[in-house]
């Protein structure tokens, strides 16, 4: 990617932030978005990584992580055009991850491997992290592990754990939380009770042995 290509990509990033974040209303405001240092830093780090300058690439990557507020993108990851990380905190993207165009990722998303003990058995140079197609959306706190493939236009819901391939256009949703019926206090029982543990009372007096019990719901 030439310097001119980097400039065009950076300009497209600002427009992408304006389009996908309703709270941002101008390019100037988009410059302050937390995803920009991570994404722009990654583009530089990725070029260094491909040239074999691994330590320099790591240095740029670490600096971008600090500036972005904990978006960690390995220099080896391949990221397409108009990639957007909303909010940004706690995102981790592994070395061999491949991300298509127009992908949106929310906070606390992990594109990781299944663990070094499995990766050590794979052929050298093989992919260990997920591949995302174009226009994929990944919800907050979702975790995708291993060399899986997520097809174009798929949606991964918040909190989902994905360890198998996802066909294009599919929706993968974690179980939805359901409200539980509140357990009421038995009639006549005060909302808080104090009881005295004999051993604690003997060691420090009755008041020091007092323990407050809250109702169980």
Protein backbone atom coordinates (compact mmCIF):
# COMPACT_ATOMS: atom_id res chain seq x y z
CA UNK A 1 0.00 0.00 0.00
CA UNK A 2 1.51 3.31 -1.10
CA UNK A 3 1.45 6.57 0.86
CA UNK A 4 -1.38 7.80 -1.38
CA UNK A 5 -3.34 4.62 -0.65
CA UNK A 6 -2.82 5.13 3.08
CA UNK A 7 -4.13 8.68 2.80
CA UNK A 8 -7.24 7.57 0.91
CA UNK A 9 -7.84 4.80 3.45
CA UNK A 10 -7.47 7.26 6.33
CA UNK A 11 -9.97 9.62 4.71
CA UNK A 12 -12.42 6.75 4.24
CA UNK A 13 -12.01 5.85 7.92
CA UNK A 14 -13.23 9.28 8.98
CA UNK A 15 -16.29 8.98 6.75
CA UNK A 16 -16.96 5.47 8.11
CA UNK A 17 -16.96 6.74 11.68
CA UNK A 18 -19.44 9.48 10.77
CA UNK A 19 -21.72 6.96 9.06
CA UNK A 20 -21.74 4.31 11.78
CA UNK A 21 -21.50 6.37 14.97
CA UNK A 22 -24.55 8.65 15.40
CA UNK A 23 -22.75 10.59 18.15
CA UNK A 24 -20.10 11.84 15.69
CA UNK A 25 -21.23 14.71 13.48
CA UNK A 26 -18.07 15.92 11.72
CA UNK A 27 -14.72 14.74 10.44
CA UNK A 28 -13.01 16.83 13.08
CA UNK A 29 -14.94 15.03 15.80
CA UNK A 30 -14.20 11.71 14.11
CA UNK A 31 -10.49 12.41 14.57
CA UNK A 32 -11.02 11.95 18.31
CA UNK A 33 -12.66 8.54 17.96
CA UNK A 34 -10.80 5.86 20.01
CA UNK A 35 -10.64 3.41 17.11
CA UNK A 36 -8.55 5.68 14.89
CA UNK A 37 -5.17 5.34 16.66
CA UNK A 38 -5.56 1.55 16.62
CA UNK A 39 -6.55 1.35 12.97
CA UNK A 40 -4.06 3.87 11.62
CA UNK A 41 -1.32 2.44 13.79
CA UNK A 42 -2.13 -1.03 12.52
CA UNK A 43 -1.81 0.02 8.90
CA UNK A 44 1.72 1.24 9.57
CA UNK A 45 2.59 -1.77 11.74
CA UNK A 46 1.25 -4.20 9.13
CA UNK A 47 3.50 -2.72 6.43
CA UNK A 48 6.51 -3.07 8.74
CA UNK A 49 5.50 -6.62 9.62
CA UNK A 50 5.27 -7.67 5.96
CA UNK A 51 8.76 -6.27 5.38
CA UNK A 52 10.12 -8.46 8.17
CA UNK A 53 10.60 -5.57 10.63
CA UNK A 54 8.76 -7.41 13.39
CA UNK A 55 10.15 -5.54 16.38
CA UNK A 56 9.42 -2.14 14.84
CA UNK A 57 5.92 -3.35 13.96
CA UNK A 58 5.37 -4.47 17.54
CA UNK A 59 6.51 -1.11 18.85
CA UNK A 60 4.02 0.73 16.66
CA UNK A 61 1.31 -1.73 17.67
CA UNK A 62 1.95 -1.20 21.38
CA UNK A 63 1.88 2.58 20.97
CA UNK A 64 -1.42 2.34 19.06
CA UNK A 65 -2.88 0.17 21.80
CA UNK A 66 -2.01 2.74 24.46
CA UNK A 67 -3.43 5.63 22.44
CA UNK A 68 -6.64 3.77 21.57
CA UNK A 69 -7.44 2.67 25.10
CA UNK A 70 -6.83 -1.09 24.86
CA UNK A 71 -7.60 -2.04 21.26
CA UNK A 72 -5.00 -4.73 20.54
CA UNK A 73 -4.43 -5.62 16.90
CA UNK A 74 -1.48 -7.83 16.02
CA UNK A 75 0.64 -6.39 13.18
CA UNK A 76 0.17 -9.60 11.20
CA UNK A 77 -3.63 -9.36 11.04
CA UNK A 78 -5.11 -8.46 7.64
CA UNK A 79 -7.84 -5.83 7.78
CA UNK A 80 -9.95 -4.67 4.86
CA UNK A 81 -11.39 -1.29 3.97
CA UNK A 82 -13.74 0.76 6.14
CA UNK A 83 -13.21 -1.33 9.27
CA UNK A 84 -14.97 0.17 12.30
CA UNK A 85 -14.54 -0.54 16.01
CA UNK A 86 -17.32 1.07 18.05
CA UNK A 87 -16.37 2.19 21.59
CA UNK A 88 -13.13 0.25 21.28
CA UNK A 89 -12.32 -0.92 24.79
CA UNK A 90 -10.98 -4.44 25.17
CA UNK A 91 -10.88 -5.55 21.51
CA UNK A 92 -8.28 -8.23 20.68
CA UNK A 93 -7.44 -9.32 17.11
CA UNK A 94 -4.90 -12.09 16.64
CA UNK A 95 -1.95 -12.42 14.27
CA UNK A 96 -3.52 -14.54 11.53
CA UNK A 97 -6.99 -13.00 11.61
CA UNK A 98 -8.36 -11.87 8.25
CA UNK A 99 -11.08 -9.21 8.15
CA UNK A 100 -13.01 -8.25 5.02
CA UNK A 101 -14.42 -4.89 3.95
CA UNK A 102 -17.07 -2.88 5.82
CA UNK A 103 -16.83 -4.96 9.00
CA UNK A 104 -18.14 -3.52 12.28
CA UNK A 105 -16.88 -4.75 15.66
CA UNK A 106 -18.12 -3.60 19.06
CA UNK A 107 -16.21 -3.43 22.35
CA UNK A 108 -14.70 -6.45 24.14
CA UNK A 109 -14.67 -8.60 21.02
CA UNK A 110 -11.97 -11.26 20.72
CA UNK A 111 -10.77 -12.80 17.46
CA UNK A 112 -8.44 -15.32 19.04
CA UNK A 113 -6.95 -18.77 18.79
CA UNK A 114 -7.99 -21.83 20.76
CA UNK A 115 -4.72 -21.88 22.71
CA UNK A 116 -1.00 -22.39 22.15
CA UNK A 117 -1.25 -26.07 23.09
CA UNK A 118 -3.45 -26.61 20.03
CA UNK A 119 -1.62 -24.15 17.79
CA UNK A 120 1.72 -25.91 18.39
CA UNK A 121 0.34 -28.97 16.61
CA UNK A 122 -0.69 -27.04 13.50
CA UNK A 123 1.59 -26.78 10.46
CA UNK A 124 3.84 -23.74 10.58
CA UNK A 125 2.27 -20.75 8.86
CA UNK A 126 -1.29 -22.07 9.06
CA UNK A 127 -4.10 -19.78 10.14
CA UNK A 128 -4.95 -19.86 13.84
CA UNK A 129 -7.51 -17.05 14.04
CA UNK A 130 -10.91 -16.30 12.46
CA UNK A 131 -11.54 -15.06 8.95
CA UNK A 132 -14.42 -12.57 8.55
CA UNK A 133 -16.14 -11.89 5.27
CA UNK A 134 -17.46 -8.53 4.09
CA UNK A 135 -20.09 -6.56 6.02
CA UNK A 136 -19.90 -8.77 9.09
CA UNK A 137 -21.15 -7.30 12.39
CA UNK A 138 -19.89 -8.61 15.74
CA UNK A 139 -21.70 -7.58 18.93
CA UNK A 140 -20.20 -6.57 22.25
CA UNK A 141 -18.25 -9.18 24.22
CA UNK A 142 -18.51 -11.83 21.51
CA UNK A 143 -15.64 -14.31 21.26
CA UNK A 144 -14.58 -16.04 18.03
CA UNK A 145 -11.87 -18.67 18.39
CA UNK A 146 -9.79 -20.72 15.99
CA UNK A 147 -9.37 -20.77 12.20
CA UNK A 148 -13.10 -20.50 11.56
CA UNK A 149 -14.72 -18.61 8.69
CA UNK A 150 -17.61 -16.19 9.08
CA UNK A 151 -19.36 -15.58 5.77
CA UNK A 152 -20.39 -12.28 4.22
CA UNK A 153 -23.23 -10.33 5.90
CA UNK A 154 -23.28 -12.55 8.99
CA UNK A 155 -24.21 -11.09 12.38
CA UNK A 156 -22.66 -12.38 15.60
CA UNK A 157 -24.71 -11.28 18.60
CA UNK A 158 -23.42 -9.91 21.88
CA UNK A 159 -21.93 -12.44 24.31
CA UNK A 160 -21.82 -15.19 21.66
CA UNK A 161 -19.05 -17.80 21.72
CA UNK A 162 -18.30 -18.99 18.18
CA UNK A 163 -15.94 -21.90 17.48
CA UNK A 164 -17.42 -23.21 14.21
CA UNK A 165 -17.86 -21.76 10.71
CA UNK A 166 -20.79 -19.40 10.20
CA UNK A 167 -22.49 -19.33 6.78
CA UNK A 168 -22.96 -16.02 5.02
CA UNK A 169 -26.09 -14.11 6.01
CA UNK A 170 -26.53 -16.08 9.23
CA UNK A 171 -27.25 -14.75 12.71
CA UNK A 172 -25.54 -16.29 15.71
CA UNK A 173 -27.17 -15.19 18.96
CA UNK A 174 -26.29 -16.01 22.55
CA UNK A 175 -29.10 -17.10 24.90
CA UNK A 176 -31.15 -14.11 25.99
CA UNK A 177 -31.40 -13.35 29.69
CA UNK A 178 -34.90 -13.84 31.09
CA UNK A 179 -36.25 -12.12 34.22
CA UNK A 180 -36.64 -14.46 37.18
CA UNK A 181 -39.58 -14.22 39.55
CA UNK A 182 -38.62 -12.36 42.68
CA UNK A 183 -38.62 -14.43 45.86
CA UNK A 184 -40.58 -12.53 48.48
CA UNK A 185 -39.71 -12.28 52.17
CA UNK A 186 -41.88 -14.51 54.39
CA UNK A 187 -44.57 -12.55 56.20
CA UNK A 188 -43.49 -11.09 59.51
CA UNK A 189 -39.73 -11.40 58.87
CA UNK A 190 -37.85 -8.09 59.15
CA UNK A 191 -35.92 -7.02 56.02
CA UNK A 192 -32.57 -7.29 57.79
CA UNK A 193 -31.60 -9.64 60.59
CA UNK A 194 -28.68 -9.69 62.96
CA UNK A 195 -27.35 -12.88 64.46
CA UNK A 196 -24.37 -13.43 66.72
CA UNK A 197 -21.77 -16.08 66.05
CA UNK A 198 -20.81 -17.60 69.41
CA UNK A 199 -17.10 -17.88 68.60
CA UNK A 200 -16.86 -14.31 67.29
CA UNK A 201 -18.77 -13.02 70.28
CA UNK A 202 -16.47 -14.84 72.68
CA UNK A 203 -13.39 -13.41 70.99
CA UNK A 204 -14.49 -9.81 70.69
CA UNK A 205 -17.71 -9.28 72.57
CA UNK A 206 -21.32 -9.51 71.50
CA UNK A 207 -21.30 -6.43 69.26
CA UNK A 208 -18.16 -7.49 67.39
CA UNK A 209 -19.70 -10.86 66.70
CA UNK A 210 -22.79 -9.38 65.05
CA UNK A 211 -23.33 -10.21 61.38
CA UNK A 212 -25.99 -8.59 59.21
CA UNK A 213 -27.92 -10.99 56.99
CA UNK A 214 -29.54 -9.56 53.85
CA UNK A 215 -32.69 -11.07 52.37
CA UNK A 216 -32.28 -13.81 49.78
CA UNK A 217 -34.00 -13.07 46.47
